[in-house]
Amino acid sequence: DDAELHYWTDHTGWMTGAGICSWVGIICHHQPGTDPKDNIRTYDDNNLVTHLRLPDNSIRGAMPGEVFYHLTEIRQIDLSDNSLTGSIN
């Protein structure tokens, strides 16, 4: 829920017009021919998410299952030290 974002410690880029790969805590496949260490702006705007890292970010409530359904290339999820409820199916 967008209304919950204001509770997050950092929600830079989330639910804005910015590509998902520029959102804080999101890492995507890197564009071929570029160095991942150079600059996050070299990432594709809406390519496949490989990492979701939002530890200790004051996230609360349930995570919709649809979020994880679309993460077909996910390699790491870190949502530790938040106040999440429910299960992931």
N, C-alpha and C. Protein backbone atom coordinates (compact mmCIF):
# COMPACT_ATOMS: atom_id res chain seq x y z
N ASP A 1 0.85 -1.18 0.00
CA ASP A 1 0.00 0.00 0.00
C ASP A 1 0.89 1.24 0.00
N ASP A 2 0.62 2.15 -0.91
CA ASP A 2 1.41 3.38 -1.02
C ASP A 2 1.39 4.20 0.26
N ALA A 3 0.28 4.14 0.99
CA ALA A 3 0.16 4.91 2.23
C ALA A 3 1.16 4.46 3.28
N GLU A 4 1.58 3.21 3.23
CA GLU A 4 2.53 2.68 4.20
C GLU A 4 3.95 3.16 3.94
N LEU A 5 4.24 3.62 2.74
CA LEU A 5 5.60 4.03 2.40
C LEU A 5 6.13 5.12 3.32
N HIS A 6 5.27 6.01 3.78
CA HIS A 6 5.77 7.11 4.61
C HIS A 6 6.32 6.62 5.95
N TYR A 7 6.04 5.39 6.33
CA TYR A 7 6.61 4.83 7.56
C TYR A 7 8.02 4.28 7.34
N TRP A 8 8.36 3.98 6.08
CA TRP A 8 9.66 3.41 5.78
C TRP A 8 10.77 4.38 6.10
N THR A 9 11.89 3.86 6.56
CA THR A 9 13.07 4.69 6.82
C THR A 9 13.56 5.32 5.53
N ASP A 10 13.59 4.55 4.45
CA ASP A 10 14.02 5.06 3.15
C ASP A 10 13.15 4.43 2.07
N HIS A 11 12.43 5.25 1.34
CA HIS A 11 11.60 4.76 0.23
C HIS A 11 11.90 5.53 -1.05
N THR A 12 13.15 5.95 -1.20
CA THR A 12 13.58 6.73 -2.35
C THR A 12 13.22 6.01 -3.65
N GLY A 13 12.47 6.69 -4.49
CA GLY A 13 12.11 6.19 -5.80
C GLY A 13 10.88 5.31 -5.87
N TRP A 14 10.47 4.74 -4.73
CA TRP A 14 9.35 3.79 -4.74
C TRP A 14 8.06 4.48 -5.14
N MET A 15 7.32 3.81 -6.02
CA MET A 15 5.99 4.24 -6.46
C MET A 15 6.03 5.63 -7.09
N THR A 16 7.12 5.93 -7.77
CA THR A 16 7.24 7.18 -8.52
C THR A 16 7.34 6.82 -9.99
N GLY A 17 7.57 7.77 -10.82
CA GLY A 17 7.73 7.52 -12.25
C GLY A 17 9.08 6.91 -12.59
N ALA A 18 9.97 6.84 -11.61
CA ALA A 18 11.30 6.29 -11.84
C ALA A 18 11.22 4.79 -12.11
N GLY A 19 12.11 4.29 -12.94
CA GLY A 19 12.17 2.86 -13.21
C GLY A 19 12.44 2.08 -11.93
N ILE A 20 11.88 0.90 -11.83
CA ILE A 20 11.99 0.08 -10.63
C ILE A 20 13.45 -0.16 -10.22
N CYS A 21 14.34 -0.22 -11.19
CA CYS A 21 15.75 -0.51 -10.88
C CYS A 21 16.46 0.67 -10.24
N SER A 22 15.81 1.81 -10.17
CA SER A 22 16.40 2.95 -9.47
C SER A 22 15.84 3.11 -8.06
N TRP A 23 14.91 2.24 -7.68
CA TRP A 23 14.32 2.31 -6.34
C TRP A 23 15.33 1.82 -5.32
N VAL A 24 15.35 2.45 -4.16
CA VAL A 24 16.24 2.02 -3.09
C VAL A 24 15.93 0.57 -2.73
N GLY A 25 16.99 -0.22 -2.55
CA GLY A 25 16.85 -1.61 -2.15
C GLY A 25 16.66 -2.59 -3.29
N ILE A 26 16.55 -2.09 -4.52
CA ILE A 26 16.34 -2.94 -5.69
C ILE A 26 17.62 -2.97 -6.52
N ILE A 27 18.02 -4.17 -6.89
CA ILE A 27 19.16 -4.34 -7.80
C ILE A 27 18.66 -5.20 -8.95
N CYS A 28 19.00 -4.79 -10.17
CA CYS A 28 18.55 -5.50 -11.37
C CYS A 28 19.73 -6.03 -12.15
N HIS A 29 19.41 -6.87 -13.15
CA HIS A 29 20.46 -7.31 -14.08
C HIS A 29 21.14 -6.08 -14.64
N HIS A 30 22.43 -6.15 -14.79
CA HIS A 30 23.20 -5.03 -15.30
C HIS A 30 23.21 -5.04 -16.81
N GLN A 31 23.22 -3.87 -17.42
CA GLN A 31 23.27 -3.79 -18.88
C GLN A 31 24.58 -4.37 -19.39
N PRO A 32 24.52 -5.17 -20.43
CA PRO A 32 25.74 -5.73 -21.00
C PRO A 32 26.71 -4.63 -21.44
N GLY A 33 27.98 -4.87 -21.21
CA GLY A 33 29.01 -3.93 -21.63
C GLY A 33 29.29 -2.81 -20.66
N THR A 34 28.65 -2.83 -19.49
CA THR A 34 28.91 -1.81 -18.47
C THR A 34 29.39 -2.49 -17.20
N ASP A 35 30.10 -1.76 -16.39
CA ASP A 35 30.63 -2.28 -15.13
C ASP A 35 29.64 -1.99 -14.01
N PRO A 36 29.16 -3.02 -13.31
CA PRO A 36 28.19 -2.81 -12.23
C PRO A 36 28.70 -1.87 -11.14
N LYS A 37 30.00 -1.73 -11.00
CA LYS A 37 30.56 -0.88 -9.95
C LYS A 37 30.59 0.60 -10.34
N ASP A 38 30.40 0.89 -11.64
CA ASP A 38 30.52 2.26 -12.12
C ASP A 38 29.46 3.19 -11.54
N ASN A 39 28.21 2.86 -11.79
CA ASN A 39 27.15 3.78 -11.40
C ASN A 39 25.82 3.05 -11.53
N ILE A 40 24.97 3.19 -10.53
CA ILE A 40 23.66 2.51 -10.56
C ILE A 40 22.82 2.97 -11.74
N ARG A 41 23.07 4.14 -12.27
CA ARG A 41 22.28 4.65 -13.40
C ARG A 41 22.56 3.89 -14.69
N THR A 42 23.54 3.01 -14.71
CA THR A 42 23.78 2.21 -15.91
C THR A 42 22.88 0.99 -15.95
N TYR A 43 22.03 0.81 -14.95
CA TYR A 43 21.10 -0.31 -14.93
C TYR A 43 19.93 -0.02 -15.85
N ASP A 44 19.36 -1.08 -16.41
CA ASP A 44 18.14 -0.93 -17.20
C ASP A 44 17.04 -0.35 -16.31
N ASP A 45 16.19 0.49 -16.87
CA ASP A 45 15.13 1.11 -16.08
C ASP A 45 14.15 0.10 -15.50
N ASN A 46 13.76 -0.88 -16.26
CA ASN A 46 12.78 -1.85 -15.77
C ASN A 46 13.16 -3.27 -16.15
N ASN A 47 14.41 -3.61 -15.91
CA ASN A 47 14.88 -4.95 -16.21
C ASN A 47 14.55 -5.88 -15.05
N LEU A 48 15.02 -7.09 -15.10
CA LEU A 48 14.67 -8.08 -14.09
C LEU A 48 15.38 -7.85 -12.77
N VAL A 49 14.63 -7.88 -11.69
CA VAL A 49 15.14 -7.67 -10.34
C VAL A 49 15.89 -8.92 -9.88
N THR A 50 17.12 -8.72 -9.38
CA THR A 50 17.90 -9.83 -8.87
C THR A 50 18.03 -9.79 -7.35
N HIS A 51 17.93 -8.61 -6.76
CA HIS A 51 18.08 -8.46 -5.31
C HIS A 51 17.03 -7.48 -4.77
N LEU A 52 16.45 -7.84 -3.65
CA LEU A 52 15.54 -6.98 -2.92
C LEU A 52 16.11 -6.86 -1.52
N ARG A 53 16.70 -5.71 -1.21
CA ARG A 53 17.39 -5.51 0.07
C ARG A 53 16.82 -4.29 0.79
N LEU A 54 15.97 -4.57 1.76
CA LEU A 54 15.37 -3.51 2.56
C LEU A 54 15.39 -3.87 4.04
N PRO A 55 16.55 -4.27 4.57
CA PRO A 55 16.60 -4.62 5.99
C PRO A 55 16.44 -3.38 6.87
N ASP A 56 15.86 -3.57 8.05
CA ASP A 56 15.75 -2.51 9.05
C ASP A 56 15.24 -1.21 8.43
N ASN A 57 14.11 -1.30 7.72
CA ASN A 57 13.59 -0.16 6.99
C ASN A 57 12.19 0.25 7.46
N SER A 58 11.78 -0.24 8.63
CA SER A 58 10.48 0.09 9.23
C SER A 58 9.30 -0.31 8.34
N ILE A 59 9.46 -1.38 7.59
CA ILE A 59 8.37 -1.89 6.76
C ILE A 59 7.46 -2.71 7.67
N ARG A 60 6.17 -2.52 7.55
CA ARG A 60 5.25 -3.23 8.43
C ARG A 60 4.08 -3.79 7.63
N GLY A 61 3.43 -4.79 8.21
CA GLY A 61 2.28 -5.40 7.56
C GLY A 61 2.67 -6.56 6.66
N ALA A 62 1.75 -6.93 5.79
CA ALA A 62 1.95 -8.08 4.91
C ALA A 62 2.52 -7.63 3.57
N MET A 63 3.33 -8.49 2.99
CA MET A 63 3.84 -8.27 1.64
C MET A 63 2.91 -9.03 0.70
N PRO A 64 2.33 -8.35 -0.28
CA PRO A 64 1.45 -9.06 -1.23
C PRO A 64 2.21 -10.15 -1.96
N GLY A 65 1.62 -11.32 -2.09
CA GLY A 65 2.24 -12.44 -2.78
C GLY A 65 2.61 -12.12 -4.21
N GLU A 66 1.86 -11.19 -4.83
CA GLU A 66 2.13 -10.82 -6.22
C GLU A 66 3.53 -10.24 -6.38
N VAL A 67 4.05 -9.62 -5.33
CA VAL A 67 5.39 -9.04 -5.39
C VAL A 67 6.40 -10.14 -5.71
N PHE A 68 6.30 -11.25 -5.03
CA PHE A 68 7.28 -12.32 -5.19
C PHE A 68 7.03 -13.15 -6.44
N TYR A 69 5.80 -13.20 -6.88
CA TYR A 69 5.46 -13.94 -8.10
C TYR A 69 6.19 -13.38 -9.32
N HIS A 70 6.36 -12.08 -9.36
CA HIS A 70 6.99 -11.42 -10.51
C HIS A 70 8.52 -11.35 -10.41
N LEU A 71 9.09 -11.80 -9.31
CA LEU A 71 10.54 -11.76 -9.14
C LEU A 71 11.16 -13.06 -9.65
N THR A 72 11.08 -13.27 -10.94
CA THR A 72 11.52 -14.54 -11.53
C THR A 72 13.03 -14.70 -11.56
N GLU A 73 13.79 -13.63 -11.45
CA GLU A 73 15.25 -13.69 -11.48
C GLU A 73 15.87 -13.38 -10.12
N ILE A 74 15.06 -13.40 -9.07
CA ILE A 74 15.54 -13.00 -7.74
C ILE A 74 16.61 -13.97 -7.24
N ARG A 75 17.66 -13.40 -6.67
CA ARG A 75 18.75 -14.19 -6.10
C ARG A 75 18.85 -13.99 -4.59
N GLN A 76 18.41 -12.83 -4.12
CA GLN A 76 18.50 -12.56 -2.69
C GLN A 76 17.37 -11.63 -2.27
N ILE A 77 16.75 -11.98 -1.15
CA ILE A 77 15.74 -11.13 -0.52
C ILE A 77 16.18 -10.93 0.92
N ASP A 78 16.30 -9.68 1.33
CA ASP A 78 16.63 -9.37 2.72
C ASP A 78 15.63 -8.34 3.23
N LEU A 79 14.67 -8.82 4.00
CA LEU A 79 13.66 -7.96 4.63
C LEU A 79 13.75 -8.10 6.15
N SER A 80 14.94 -8.45 6.63
CA SER A 80 15.13 -8.68 8.06
C SER A 80 14.94 -7.40 8.86
N ASP A 81 14.61 -7.59 10.11
CA ASP A 81 14.45 -6.49 11.07
C ASP A 81 13.41 -5.46 10.65
N ASN A 82 12.32 -5.94 10.08
CA ASN A 82 11.15 -5.13 9.78
C ASN A 82 9.99 -5.71 10.59
N SER A 83 8.82 -5.15 10.48
CA SER A 83 7.65 -5.64 11.20
C SER A 83 6.65 -6.25 10.24
N LEU A 84 7.10 -7.28 9.53
CA LEU A 84 6.24 -7.94 8.54
C LEU A 84 5.36 -8.97 9.21
N THR A 85 4.18 -9.17 8.63
CA THR A 85 3.23 -10.17 9.14
C THR A 85 2.79 -11.06 7.99
N GLY A 86 2.19 -12.19 8.33
CA GLY A 86 1.65 -13.08 7.32
C GLY A 86 2.71 -14.01 6.78
N SER A 87 2.33 -14.69 5.70
CA SER A 87 3.23 -15.66 5.09
C SER A 87 3.44 -15.31 3.62
N ILE A 88 4.46 -15.92 3.04
CA ILE A 88 4.74 -15.75 1.62
C ILE A 88 4.38 -17.08 0.96
N ASN A 89 3.47 -17.05 0.04
CA ASN A 89 3.03 -18.27 -0.64
C ASN A 89 3.50 -18.26 -2.07
